[in-house]
N, C-alpha and C. Protein backbone atom coordinates (compact mmCIF):
# COMPACT_ATOMS: atom_id res chain seq x y z
N MET A 1 12.75 -37.74 -17.99
CA MET A 1 12.69 -36.33 -18.21
C MET A 1 12.77 -35.71 -16.89
N THR A 2 13.27 -34.55 -17.08
CA THR A 2 13.29 -33.72 -15.27
C THR A 2 12.13 -33.26 -15.13
N ASP A 3 11.86 -32.97 -13.95
CA ASP A 3 10.61 -32.50 -12.84
C ASP A 3 10.39 -31.21 -13.44
N GLN A 4 9.30 -30.89 -14.34
CA GLN A 4 9.08 -29.52 -14.97
C GLN A 4 8.84 -28.70 -13.88
N THR A 5 8.11 -29.18 -12.42
CA THR A 5 7.92 -28.23 -11.67
C THR A 5 8.79 -27.19 -10.76
N GLN A 6 10.15 -27.60 -10.99
CA GLN A 6 11.42 -27.09 -10.52
C GLN A 6 11.82 -25.79 -11.18
N PHE A 7 11.29 -25.50 -12.19
CA PHE A 7 11.10 -24.15 -13.03
C PHE A 7 10.14 -23.21 -12.96
N ILE A 8 9.07 -24.03 -11.98
CA ILE A 8 7.71 -22.78 -11.93
C ILE A 8 8.31 -22.07 -10.89
N ARG A 9 7.88 -20.73 -11.37
CA ARG A 9 7.96 -19.71 -9.96
C ARG A 9 6.75 -18.76 -10.33
N PRO A 10 6.18 -18.15 -9.22
CA PRO A 10 5.57 -16.56 -9.36
C PRO A 10 5.69 -15.72 -10.49
N GLU A 11 5.00 -15.31 -11.09
CA GLU A 11 5.32 -14.28 -11.99
C GLU A 11 5.57 -12.98 -11.25
N ARG A 12 6.89 -12.00 -11.77
CA ARG A 12 7.11 -10.63 -11.25
C ARG A 12 6.55 -9.86 -12.31
N ALA A 13 6.93 -8.51 -11.35
CA ALA A 13 6.18 -7.41 -12.59
C ALA A 13 7.58 -7.28 -13.26
N SER A 14 8.92 -7.70 -13.17
CA SER A 14 9.82 -7.73 -14.39
C SER A 14 9.47 -8.67 -15.48
N ASP A 15 8.62 -9.63 -15.00
CA ASP A 15 8.49 -10.34 -16.24
C ASP A 15 7.40 -10.31 -17.12
N ILE A 16 6.91 -8.81 -16.76
CA ILE A 16 5.17 -8.80 -17.82
C ILE A 16 5.87 -8.65 -19.40
N PRO A 17 6.93 -7.87 -19.77
CA PRO A 17 7.49 -7.69 -21.07
C PRO A 17 7.74 -9.00 -21.62
N ALA A 18 8.69 -9.64 -21.14
CA ALA A 18 8.90 -11.32 -21.54
C ALA A 18 7.36 -12.09 -21.79
N VAL A 19 6.62 -11.89 -20.79
CA VAL A 19 5.37 -12.33 -21.11
C VAL A 19 4.65 -11.71 -22.19
N GLU A 20 4.21 -10.68 -22.35
CA GLU A 20 3.35 -10.01 -23.38
C GLU A 20 4.00 -10.34 -24.52
N ALA A 21 5.63 -10.40 -24.63
CA ALA A 21 6.22 -10.92 -26.04
C ALA A 21 5.76 -12.15 -26.20
N LEU A 22 5.95 -12.95 -25.39
CA LEU A 22 5.65 -14.61 -25.92
C LEU A 22 4.24 -14.53 -26.17
N GLN A 23 2.86 -14.05 -25.47
CA GLN A 23 1.79 -14.31 -25.93
C GLN A 23 1.66 -14.00 -27.23
N ALA A 24 2.41 -12.52 -27.67
CA ALA A 24 2.13 -11.78 -29.02
C ALA A 24 2.34 -12.95 -29.71
N ALA A 25 3.64 -13.46 -30.01
CA ALA A 25 4.24 -14.08 -30.37
C ALA A 25 3.40 -15.60 -30.63
N ALA A 26 2.93 -15.97 -29.67
CA ALA A 26 1.78 -17.26 -29.87
C ALA A 26 0.71 -17.15 -30.44
N PHE A 27 -0.28 -15.77 -30.09
CA PHE A 27 -1.57 -15.38 -30.46
C PHE A 27 -1.49 -14.46 -31.62
N GLY A 28 -0.60 -13.83 -31.87
CA GLY A 28 -0.85 -12.51 -32.81
C GLY A 28 -1.94 -11.55 -32.48
N PRO A 29 -1.53 -10.39 -33.44
CA PRO A 29 -2.84 -8.97 -32.78
C PRO A 29 -3.94 -9.83 -33.16
N GLY A 30 -4.61 -11.04 -33.70
CA GLY A 30 -5.91 -10.91 -33.47
C GLY A 30 -6.26 -11.71 -31.65
N ALA A 31 -5.37 -11.68 -31.10
CA ALA A 31 -5.57 -12.18 -29.50
C ALA A 31 -6.74 -11.06 -29.37
N TYR A 32 -6.48 -9.68 -29.74
CA TYR A 32 -7.25 -8.47 -29.17
C TYR A 32 -8.55 -8.71 -29.21
N THR A 33 -9.04 -9.25 -30.16
CA THR A 33 -10.44 -9.57 -30.70
C THR A 33 -11.15 -10.54 -30.12
N ARG A 34 -10.33 -11.27 -29.40
CA ARG A 34 -11.25 -12.93 -28.91
C ARG A 34 -12.03 -12.42 -27.16
N ALA A 35 -12.69 -13.25 -27.05
CA ALA A 35 -13.44 -12.75 -25.80
C ALA A 35 -12.93 -12.88 -24.54
N ALA A 36 -12.05 -13.78 -24.82
CA ALA A 36 -11.09 -14.03 -22.96
C ALA A 36 -10.76 -12.51 -23.07
N PHE A 37 -9.79 -11.83 -24.16
CA PHE A 37 -8.99 -10.87 -24.00
C PHE A 37 -10.27 -9.53 -23.81
N ARG A 38 -11.16 -9.77 -24.25
CA ARG A 38 -12.20 -8.46 -23.56
C ARG A 38 -12.49 -8.62 -22.30
N VAL A 39 -12.52 -9.88 -21.31
CA VAL A 39 -12.94 -10.11 -19.92
C VAL A 39 -11.01 -9.22 -19.19
N ARG A 40 -10.30 -10.10 -19.71
CA ARG A 40 -9.03 -9.52 -19.18
C ARG A 40 -8.74 -7.97 -19.21
N GLU A 41 -9.38 -7.23 -20.30
CA GLU A 41 -9.36 -5.53 -20.46
C GLU A 41 -10.17 -5.19 -19.21
N GLN A 42 -11.18 -5.84 -18.39
CA GLN A 42 -11.95 -5.50 -17.56
C GLN A 42 -10.95 -5.55 -15.86
N ALA A 43 -10.24 -6.28 -15.84
CA ALA A 43 -9.09 -6.90 -14.60
C ALA A 43 -8.27 -7.42 -15.16
N ASP A 44 -7.10 -6.69 -14.55
CA ASP A 44 -5.70 -7.06 -14.55
C ASP A 44 -5.72 -8.92 -13.90
N HIS A 45 -4.43 -9.42 -14.65
CA HIS A 45 -4.61 -10.84 -14.23
C HIS A 45 -4.06 -10.64 -12.55
N ASP A 46 -4.38 -11.83 -11.81
CA ASP A 46 -3.90 -12.11 -10.42
C ASP A 46 -2.06 -12.20 -10.25
N PRO A 47 -1.51 -11.28 -9.96
CA PRO A 47 0.17 -11.69 -9.89
C PRO A 47 0.21 -13.18 -8.93
N GLY A 48 -0.38 -13.30 -7.95
CA GLY A 48 -0.56 -14.36 -6.96
C GLY A 48 -0.94 -15.71 -7.39
N LEU A 49 -1.66 -15.59 -8.63
CA LEU A 49 -2.09 -16.70 -9.09
C LEU A 49 -1.50 -16.56 -10.62
N SER A 50 -0.40 -16.60 -10.91
CA SER A 50 -0.48 -16.30 -12.69
C SER A 50 1.26 -16.81 -12.24
N PHE A 51 1.79 -17.44 -13.16
CA PHE A 51 3.32 -18.15 -13.41
C PHE A 51 4.02 -18.14 -14.33
N VAL A 52 5.11 -18.64 -14.38
CA VAL A 52 6.10 -18.55 -15.35
C VAL A 52 6.82 -19.91 -15.11
N VAL A 53 7.51 -20.29 -16.50
CA VAL A 53 8.57 -21.22 -16.38
C VAL A 53 9.92 -20.43 -17.32
N GLU A 54 11.08 -20.72 -16.13
CA GLU A 54 12.18 -19.98 -16.55
C GLU A 54 12.83 -21.04 -16.57
N HIS A 55 13.57 -21.32 -17.75
CA HIS A 55 14.45 -22.12 -18.50
C HIS A 55 15.91 -21.79 -18.70
N ASP A 56 17.18 -22.07 -18.06
CA ASP A 56 18.33 -21.48 -18.48
C ASP A 56 18.58 -20.12 -18.51
N GLY A 57 17.99 -19.39 -17.33
CA GLY A 57 17.77 -18.07 -17.49
C GLY A 57 16.64 -17.50 -18.51
N ALA A 58 15.97 -18.27 -19.52
CA ALA A 58 15.01 -17.87 -20.02
C ALA A 58 13.43 -17.74 -19.52
N LEU A 59 12.47 -17.15 -19.82
CA LEU A 59 11.20 -17.36 -19.71
C LEU A 59 10.83 -17.86 -21.30
N ILE A 60 10.47 -19.07 -20.79
CA ILE A 60 9.77 -19.85 -21.76
C ILE A 60 8.21 -20.61 -21.90
N ALA A 61 7.70 -20.16 -20.58
CA ALA A 61 6.24 -20.42 -20.84
C ALA A 61 5.82 -19.45 -19.50
N SER A 62 4.10 -19.31 -19.77
CA SER A 62 3.30 -18.46 -18.75
C SER A 62 1.94 -18.86 -18.55
N VAL A 63 1.48 -18.33 -17.89
CA VAL A 63 -0.21 -18.59 -17.75
C VAL A 63 -0.69 -17.70 -16.46
N TRP A 64 -1.71 -16.95 -17.09
CA TRP A 64 -2.38 -16.04 -16.03
C TRP A 64 -3.58 -16.40 -15.59
N LEU A 65 -4.20 -15.57 -14.66
CA LEU A 65 -5.30 -16.40 -13.88
C LEU A 65 -6.18 -14.94 -13.43
N THR A 66 -6.99 -14.52 -14.06
CA THR A 66 -7.67 -13.34 -14.08
C THR A 66 -8.96 -13.53 -12.97
N PRO A 67 -9.08 -12.52 -12.22
CA PRO A 67 -10.42 -12.34 -10.97
C PRO A 67 -11.56 -12.41 -12.18
N VAL A 68 -12.55 -13.18 -12.15
CA VAL A 68 -13.62 -12.89 -12.87
C VAL A 68 -15.12 -12.93 -11.84
N ARG A 69 -16.20 -12.30 -12.23
CA ARG A 69 -17.55 -12.81 -11.82
C ARG A 69 -18.24 -13.54 -12.74
N VAL A 70 -19.06 -14.37 -12.22
CA VAL A 70 -20.15 -15.28 -13.40
C VAL A 70 -21.51 -14.71 -12.46
N GLY A 71 -22.43 -13.54 -12.86
CA GLY A 71 -23.36 -13.51 -11.89
C GLY A 71 -22.86 -12.99 -10.75
N ALA A 72 -23.36 -13.68 -9.13
CA ALA A 72 -22.72 -13.17 -7.99
C ALA A 72 -21.98 -14.38 -7.85
N ASP A 73 -20.99 -15.26 -8.50
CA ASP A 73 -20.20 -15.92 -7.91
C ASP A 73 -18.51 -15.36 -8.60
N ARG A 74 -17.93 -15.71 -7.74
CA ARG A 74 -16.50 -15.00 -8.37
C ARG A 74 -15.85 -16.23 -8.36
N GLY A 75 -14.72 -16.40 -9.41
CA GLY A 75 -13.72 -17.35 -9.96
C GLY A 75 -12.54 -16.83 -10.73
N THR A 76 -11.82 -17.42 -11.29
CA THR A 76 -10.77 -17.12 -12.17
C THR A 76 -10.97 -17.36 -13.64
N LEU A 77 -10.97 -16.81 -14.51
CA LEU A 77 -9.83 -16.91 -16.16
C LEU A 77 -9.04 -17.19 -15.80
N LEU A 78 -8.66 -18.78 -16.81
CA LEU A 78 -7.69 -18.89 -16.88
C LEU A 78 -7.08 -18.62 -18.46
N GLY A 79 -6.01 -18.16 -18.46
CA GLY A 79 -5.19 -18.09 -19.82
C GLY A 79 -4.92 -16.31 -20.18
N PRO A 80 -3.99 -16.26 -21.14
CA PRO A 80 -3.67 -17.36 -21.76
C PRO A 80 -2.29 -18.37 -21.18
N LEU A 81 -2.40 -19.48 -21.58
CA LEU A 81 -1.37 -20.59 -21.28
C LEU A 81 -0.64 -20.79 -22.55
N VAL A 82 0.91 -20.02 -22.36
CA VAL A 82 1.47 -20.22 -23.69
C VAL A 82 3.11 -20.76 -23.04
N VAL A 83 3.30 -21.42 -24.12
CA VAL A 83 4.79 -21.99 -23.91
C VAL A 83 5.50 -21.59 -25.49
N GLN A 84 6.70 -21.32 -25.23
CA GLN A 84 7.59 -20.98 -26.35
C GLN A 84 7.43 -22.52 -27.31
N PRO A 85 7.38 -22.41 -28.50
CA PRO A 85 7.29 -23.48 -29.84
C PRO A 85 8.12 -24.38 -29.47
N GLU A 86 9.41 -23.74 -29.60
CA GLU A 86 10.46 -25.47 -29.13
C GLU A 86 10.54 -26.03 -27.60
N TYR A 87 9.65 -25.33 -27.26
CA TYR A 87 9.40 -26.11 -25.77
C TYR A 87 7.91 -26.88 -25.58
N LYS A 88 7.30 -26.94 -26.73
CA LYS A 88 6.01 -27.70 -26.55
C LYS A 88 6.15 -29.06 -26.42
N SER A 89 5.38 -29.90 -25.78
CA SER A 89 5.34 -31.02 -26.02
C SER A 89 6.14 -31.52 -24.88
N MET A 90 6.93 -31.04 -24.13
CA MET A 90 7.90 -31.37 -22.80
C MET A 90 7.36 -31.33 -21.50
N GLY A 91 5.91 -31.12 -21.52
CA GLY A 91 5.48 -31.10 -20.09
C GLY A 91 5.28 -29.90 -19.43
N PHE A 92 5.95 -28.66 -19.85
CA PHE A 92 6.13 -27.29 -19.48
C PHE A 92 4.50 -26.48 -19.16
N GLY A 93 3.75 -27.05 -19.87
CA GLY A 93 2.24 -26.19 -20.18
C GLY A 93 1.50 -27.10 -18.98
N ARG A 94 1.91 -28.73 -19.04
CA ARG A 94 0.62 -29.29 -18.22
C ARG A 94 1.27 -28.96 -16.77
N ALA A 95 2.52 -28.89 -16.74
CA ALA A 95 2.94 -28.77 -15.19
C ALA A 95 2.57 -27.47 -14.63
N LEU A 96 2.35 -26.08 -15.79
CA LEU A 96 1.67 -24.95 -15.08
C LEU A 96 0.43 -25.09 -14.76
N MET A 97 -0.15 -25.83 -15.80
CA MET A 97 -1.80 -26.41 -15.56
C MET A 97 -1.68 -26.78 -14.27
N HIS A 98 -1.13 -28.01 -13.84
CA HIS A 98 -1.30 -28.92 -12.32
C HIS A 98 -0.92 -27.50 -11.29
N HIS A 99 0.19 -26.54 -11.27
CA HIS A 99 0.35 -25.70 -10.48
C HIS A 99 -0.76 -24.66 -10.24
N CYS A 100 -0.87 -23.88 -11.66
CA CYS A 100 -2.15 -22.93 -11.21
C CYS A 100 -3.39 -23.50 -10.60
N LEU A 101 -3.66 -24.55 -11.23
CA LEU A 101 -5.12 -24.99 -10.51
C LEU A 101 -4.57 -25.36 -8.94
N ALA A 102 -3.83 -25.99 -8.77
CA ALA A 102 -3.65 -26.36 -7.02
C ALA A 102 -3.12 -25.03 -6.37
N ALA A 103 -2.78 -23.65 -7.10
CA ALA A 103 -2.75 -22.52 -6.54
C ALA A 103 -4.23 -21.93 -6.16
N ALA A 104 -4.63 -22.14 -7.48
CA ALA A 104 -6.45 -21.35 -7.09
C ALA A 104 -7.19 -22.00 -6.47
N LYS A 105 -7.05 -22.95 -5.91
CA LYS A 105 -8.06 -23.99 -5.29
C LYS A 105 -7.50 -23.81 -3.85
N HIS A 106 -5.95 -23.43 -3.77
CA HIS A 106 -5.33 -23.39 -2.12
C HIS A 106 -6.06 -21.94 -1.55
N ALA A 107 -5.84 -20.91 -2.84
CA ALA A 107 -6.49 -19.56 -2.34
C ALA A 107 -8.14 -19.46 -1.95
N GLY A 108 -8.63 -20.61 -2.38
CA GLY A 108 -9.98 -20.35 -1.99
C GLY A 108 -10.83 -20.28 -3.35
N CYS A 109 -10.46 -20.42 -4.36
CA CYS A 109 -11.12 -20.64 -5.88
C CYS A 109 -12.27 -21.33 -6.20
N PRO A 110 -13.25 -21.36 -6.62
CA PRO A 110 -14.88 -22.02 -6.47
C PRO A 110 -14.15 -22.69 -7.77
N PHE A 111 -13.97 -22.12 -8.69
CA PHE A 111 -13.94 -22.43 -10.63
C PHE A 111 -13.33 -21.77 -10.84
N VAL A 112 -12.63 -22.32 -12.12
CA VAL A 112 -11.60 -21.77 -13.02
C VAL A 112 -12.63 -21.84 -14.26
N VAL A 113 -12.61 -20.47 -15.17
CA VAL A 113 -13.49 -20.81 -16.79
C VAL A 113 -12.19 -20.62 -17.60
N LEU A 114 -12.54 -20.90 -18.67
CA LEU A 114 -11.58 -20.61 -19.80
C LEU A 114 -12.07 -20.79 -21.32
N VAL A 115 -11.74 -20.31 -22.15
CA VAL A 115 -11.55 -20.78 -23.87
C VAL A 115 -10.98 -21.63 -24.05
N GLY A 116 -10.74 -22.67 -24.54
CA GLY A 116 -10.06 -23.73 -25.16
C GLY A 116 -10.53 -25.16 -25.68
N ASP A 117 -9.53 -25.93 -25.96
CA ASP A 117 -9.67 -26.93 -26.42
C ASP A 117 -10.19 -28.18 -25.15
N ALA A 118 -11.15 -28.56 -25.46
CA ALA A 118 -11.80 -29.90 -24.45
C ALA A 118 -11.18 -31.01 -24.49
N PRO A 119 -10.49 -31.30 -25.73
CA PRO A 119 -9.64 -32.55 -25.60
C PRO A 119 -8.17 -32.08 -24.79
N TYR A 120 -7.36 -31.13 -24.87
CA TYR A 120 -6.40 -30.76 -23.94
C TYR A 120 -6.72 -30.53 -22.81
N TYR A 121 -7.98 -29.45 -22.36
CA TYR A 121 -8.02 -29.16 -20.82
C TYR A 121 -8.80 -30.36 -20.14
N GLY A 122 -9.68 -31.05 -20.96
CA GLY A 122 -10.27 -32.05 -20.27
C GLY A 122 -9.10 -32.90 -19.13
N GLN A 123 -7.98 -33.17 -19.37
CA GLN A 123 -7.09 -33.76 -18.74
C GLN A 123 -7.07 -33.27 -17.62
N PHE A 124 -7.30 -31.79 -17.24
CA PHE A 124 -7.20 -30.99 -15.84
C PHE A 124 -8.38 -30.92 -15.49
N GLY A 125 -9.51 -31.77 -15.82
CA GLY A 125 -10.63 -31.43 -14.97
C GLY A 125 -11.63 -30.94 -15.65
N PHE A 126 -11.44 -30.09 -16.71
CA PHE A 126 -12.44 -28.67 -16.95
C PHE A 126 -13.58 -29.64 -18.39
N VAL A 127 -14.69 -29.26 -17.95
CA VAL A 127 -16.22 -29.63 -18.80
C VAL A 127 -16.05 -28.49 -19.74
N PRO A 128 -17.29 -28.69 -20.42
CA PRO A 128 -18.04 -27.44 -21.13
C PRO A 128 -19.11 -27.20 -20.26
N LEU A 129 -19.47 -25.91 -20.49
CA LEU A 129 -20.30 -24.81 -19.69
C LEU A 129 -21.54 -24.93 -20.88
N SER A 130 -22.73 -24.46 -19.99
CA SER A 130 -23.92 -24.42 -21.23
C SER A 130 -23.72 -22.99 -21.19
N ILE A 131 -23.87 -22.39 -23.10
CA ILE A 131 -23.75 -21.07 -23.38
C ILE A 131 -25.07 -20.47 -23.14
N GLN A 132 -26.33 -21.42 -22.55
CA GLN A 132 -27.43 -20.66 -22.28
C GLN A 132 -27.57 -20.02 -21.01
N ARG A 133 -26.44 -20.53 -20.20
CA ARG A 133 -26.27 -20.13 -18.60
C ARG A 133 -25.30 -19.16 -18.54
N VAL A 134 -24.28 -19.67 -19.35
CA VAL A 134 -22.71 -18.70 -19.34
C VAL A 134 -22.49 -17.90 -20.60
N GLN A 135 -21.86 -16.54 -20.35
CA GLN A 135 -21.57 -16.11 -21.94
C GLN A 135 -20.81 -15.30 -21.42
N MET A 136 -19.79 -15.53 -22.98
CA MET A 136 -18.40 -14.58 -22.96
C MET A 136 -18.80 -12.96 -23.43
N PRO A 137 -18.19 -12.30 -22.95
CA PRO A 137 -18.41 -10.58 -23.90
C PRO A 137 -17.76 -10.97 -25.46
N GLY A 138 -18.29 -11.71 -26.04
CA GLY A 138 -18.17 -11.85 -27.66
C GLY A 138 -18.13 -13.27 -28.08
N PRO A 139 -18.31 -13.54 -28.84
CA PRO A 139 -18.50 -14.98 -29.69
C PRO A 139 -17.51 -15.88 -29.29
N VAL A 140 -17.87 -16.98 -28.83
CA VAL A 140 -17.21 -18.18 -28.66
C VAL A 140 -18.04 -19.36 -28.73
N ASP A 141 -17.03 -20.31 -29.52
CA ASP A 141 -17.50 -22.22 -29.70
C ASP A 141 -18.21 -22.51 -28.50
N PRO A 142 -19.37 -22.48 -28.42
CA PRO A 142 -19.96 -23.38 -27.36
C PRO A 142 -19.04 -24.38 -27.20
N ALA A 143 -18.14 -25.07 -27.34
CA ALA A 143 -17.40 -26.67 -27.19
C ALA A 143 -16.49 -26.12 -26.93
N ARG A 144 -15.98 -24.71 -26.76
CA ARG A 144 -14.44 -24.11 -26.25
C ARG A 144 -14.94 -23.27 -24.58
N LEU A 145 -16.09 -23.41 -24.35
CA LEU A 145 -16.39 -22.60 -23.11
C LEU A 145 -16.39 -23.34 -22.22
N LEU A 146 -15.05 -23.76 -21.07
CA LEU A 146 -14.73 -24.72 -20.36
C LEU A 146 -14.94 -24.29 -18.91
N VAL A 147 -15.10 -24.98 -17.99
CA VAL A 147 -15.40 -24.60 -16.23
C VAL A 147 -14.41 -25.92 -15.86
N ALA A 148 -13.51 -25.61 -14.74
CA ALA A 148 -13.11 -26.68 -13.70
C ALA A 148 -13.90 -26.43 -12.39
N GLU A 149 -14.45 -27.12 -11.72
CA GLU A 149 -14.81 -27.14 -10.44
C GLU A 149 -13.84 -27.61 -9.39
N LEU A 150 -13.29 -26.02 -8.36
CA LEU A 150 -12.57 -26.43 -7.91
C LEU A 150 -13.39 -26.24 -6.58
N GLU A 151 -14.53 -26.41 -6.40
CA GLU A 151 -15.64 -26.43 -5.12
C GLU A 151 -16.67 -27.41 -5.70
N PRO A 152 -17.36 -28.66 -5.54
CA PRO A 152 -17.74 -29.61 -5.89
C PRO A 152 -19.41 -28.58 -6.10
N GLY A 153 -19.88 -28.66 -7.28
CA GLY A 153 -21.30 -28.46 -7.72
C GLY A 153 -21.25 -26.66 -7.94
N VAL A 154 -20.50 -26.15 -8.06
CA VAL A 154 -20.34 -24.72 -8.13
C VAL A 154 -20.78 -24.40 -10.03
N ALA A 155 -20.76 -25.34 -10.80
CA ALA A 155 -20.80 -24.91 -12.07
C ALA A 155 -22.54 -25.37 -12.30
N ALA A 156 -22.94 -25.84 -11.66
CA ALA A 156 -24.32 -25.80 -11.90
C ALA A 156 -25.11 -24.29 -11.32
N ARG A 157 -24.62 -23.84 -10.52
CA ARG A 157 -25.35 -22.60 -10.28
C ARG A 157 -24.51 -21.21 -11.32
N LEU A 158 -23.64 -21.47 -11.99
CA LEU A 158 -23.26 -20.46 -12.52
C LEU A 158 -24.35 -19.91 -13.65
N GLN A 159 -24.28 -18.23 -13.74
CA GLN A 159 -25.20 -17.84 -14.72
C GLN A 159 -25.20 -16.49 -14.70
N GLY A 160 -24.86 -16.20 -16.15
CA GLY A 160 -24.94 -15.13 -16.45
C GLY A 160 -23.30 -14.57 -17.28
N MET A 161 -22.89 -13.07 -17.36
CA MET A 161 -22.12 -13.25 -18.36
C MET A 161 -20.75 -13.15 -17.40
N VAL A 162 -19.65 -13.69 -18.25
CA VAL A 162 -18.41 -13.68 -17.27
C VAL A 162 -17.72 -12.16 -17.80
N VAL A 163 -17.56 -11.99 -16.33
CA VAL A 163 -16.71 -10.34 -16.44
C VAL A 163 -15.80 -10.17 -16.00
N GLY A 164 -14.66 -9.52 -16.05
CA GLY A 164 -13.49 -9.23 -14.88
C GLY A 164 -13.88 -8.87 -14.07
N ASP A 165 -13.17 -8.84 -12.73
CA ASP A 165 -13.63 -8.54 -11.47
C ASP A 165 -12.41 -7.56 -11.16
N ALA A 166 -12.53 -6.41 -11.00
CA ALA A 166 -11.25 -5.57 -10.83
C ALA A 166 -11.33 -5.47 -9.20
N GLU A 167 -12.50 -5.86 -8.61
CA GLU A 167 -12.82 -6.00 -7.16
C GLU A 167 -11.44 -6.87 -6.64
N GLY A 168 -11.27 -7.81 -6.88
CA GLY A 168 -10.15 -8.90 -6.30
C GLY A 168 -10.34 -10.02 -6.56
N ARG A 169 -9.68 -10.62 -6.19
CA ARG A 169 -9.43 -12.19 -5.60
C ARG A 169 -11.09 -12.96 -5.16
N PRO A 170 -10.86 -14.16 -6.08
CA PRO A 170 -12.21 -15.10 -5.81
C PRO A 170 -12.20 -15.05 -4.15
N ARG A 171 -13.96 -15.37 -3.76
CA ARG A 171 -13.62 -15.86 -2.23
C ARG A 171 -14.94 -16.96 -2.33
């Protein structure tokens, strides 16, 4: 298999229409009712921590990281991660995950939260969060609210609502 990382690059403003079309095709109109979408309505995703995969001149995959706060702690929300159906199970999503988590850690982000499948995201270090301590602005299956600690021990102090942080990047 070809090294999938060679296709990863930072998202550009000119990519947004293609990224949004890819997201709409993957998640449909129901995406707008999801708790993670509600967080993304509060703050724009961080273009410095959002990446795309370009293959044969076409955008085939994308991942967004959006600045968030949980109580006093700043971090990021991962998602959506999306890969065109014909390119799934070829390593593009996995490569994007490794790339964006490394970039978030390099940027000083202490944690990344997401709503997703624990069996898939567990391979990247994501573990369930306690919904008694951390909530999303809408219904979420407790088994799908996950966190990756980029700073050891940070998950234990997280408490409150996940909200978009329009002030900027995690510190």
